[in-house]
């Protein structure tokens, strides 16, 4: 089950430069949370490019472990 967390753009609890699931409540994307290069603050990026999406929630990607 995906555990969605409400997005707080001021939170530093989101691990940066790691893929996460993000949503606007209707669509889901994969993005990384990181500092903006040319402006203040942090936001979501895809391939190092900032995204201008109305993100409401994010989630860690939790894949099942491989069986040995």
Protein backbone atom coordinates (compact mmCIF):
# COMPACT_ATOMS: atom_id res chain seq x y z
CA UNK A 1 0.00 0.00 0.00
CA UNK A 2 1.26 3.47 -0.84
CA UNK A 3 1.54 5.78 2.16
CA UNK A 4 0.93 9.28 0.80
CA UNK A 5 2.25 12.26 2.78
CA UNK A 6 0.77 15.73 2.40
CA UNK A 7 3.33 17.93 0.66
CA UNK A 8 4.70 20.76 2.77
CA UNK A 9 7.05 22.78 0.59
CA UNK A 10 8.87 23.98 3.73
CA UNK A 11 9.56 20.47 5.06
CA UNK A 12 13.14 19.23 4.99
CA UNK A 13 12.04 15.68 5.88
CA UNK A 14 11.84 14.73 2.20
CA UNK A 15 15.02 12.96 1.14
CA UNK A 16 16.55 14.93 -1.72
CA UNK A 17 17.88 13.57 -5.02
CA UNK A 18 15.94 10.31 -4.59
CA UNK A 19 13.00 9.26 -6.76
CA UNK A 20 9.58 9.63 -5.12
CA UNK A 21 6.01 9.36 -6.30
CA UNK A 22 4.21 12.71 -6.45
CA UNK A 23 0.57 13.50 -7.18
CA UNK A 24 -1.84 16.36 -7.70
CA UNK A 25 -4.70 14.12 -6.59
CA UNK A 26 -5.46 12.94 -10.13
CA UNK A 27 -2.14 12.03 -11.77
CA UNK A 28 1.06 10.42 -10.49
CA UNK A 29 4.64 11.19 -11.54
CA UNK A 30 8.14 10.18 -10.46
CA UNK A 31 10.33 13.09 -9.37
CA UNK A 32 13.15 14.12 -7.05
CA UNK A 33 12.95 16.82 -4.40
CA UNK A 34 15.91 19.18 -4.61
CA UNK A 35 17.03 22.79 -4.24
CA UNK A 36 16.20 25.05 -7.14
CA UNK A 37 19.29 26.04 -9.09
CA UNK A 38 18.26 29.55 -10.13
CA UNK A 39 15.87 30.59 -7.35
CA UNK A 40 15.35 30.15 -3.63
CA UNK A 41 13.75 27.11 -2.07
CA UNK A 42 13.17 23.48 -2.88
CA UNK A 43 10.81 21.73 -5.26
CA UNK A 44 10.22 18.70 -7.44
CA UNK A 45 12.51 17.98 -10.39
CA UNK A 46 12.59 15.48 -13.25
CA UNK A 47 15.94 14.89 -14.95
CA UNK A 48 17.34 17.91 -13.02
CA UNK A 49 14.65 20.20 -14.50
CA UNK A 50 12.17 21.85 -12.13
CA UNK A 51 8.55 20.81 -12.51
CA UNK A 52 5.68 23.27 -12.26
CA UNK A 53 3.02 20.88 -11.02
CA UNK A 54 0.43 21.46 -8.28
CA UNK A 55 1.82 18.69 -6.05
CA UNK A 56 -0.42 17.88 -3.08
CA UNK A 57 1.14 14.63 -1.80
CA UNK A 58 4.31 12.55 -2.13
CA UNK A 59 5.30 8.98 -1.24
CA UNK A 60 8.46 6.94 -0.94
CA UNK A 61 8.84 4.30 -3.60
CA UNK A 62 8.53 1.03 -1.72
CA UNK A 63 9.30 -1.93 -3.97
CA UNK A 64 9.21 -5.49 -2.65
CA UNK A 65 12.57 -7.00 -1.84
CA UNK A 66 13.97 -9.68 -4.09
CA UNK A 67 13.55 -13.26 -2.95
CA UNK A 68 16.76 -15.23 -2.54
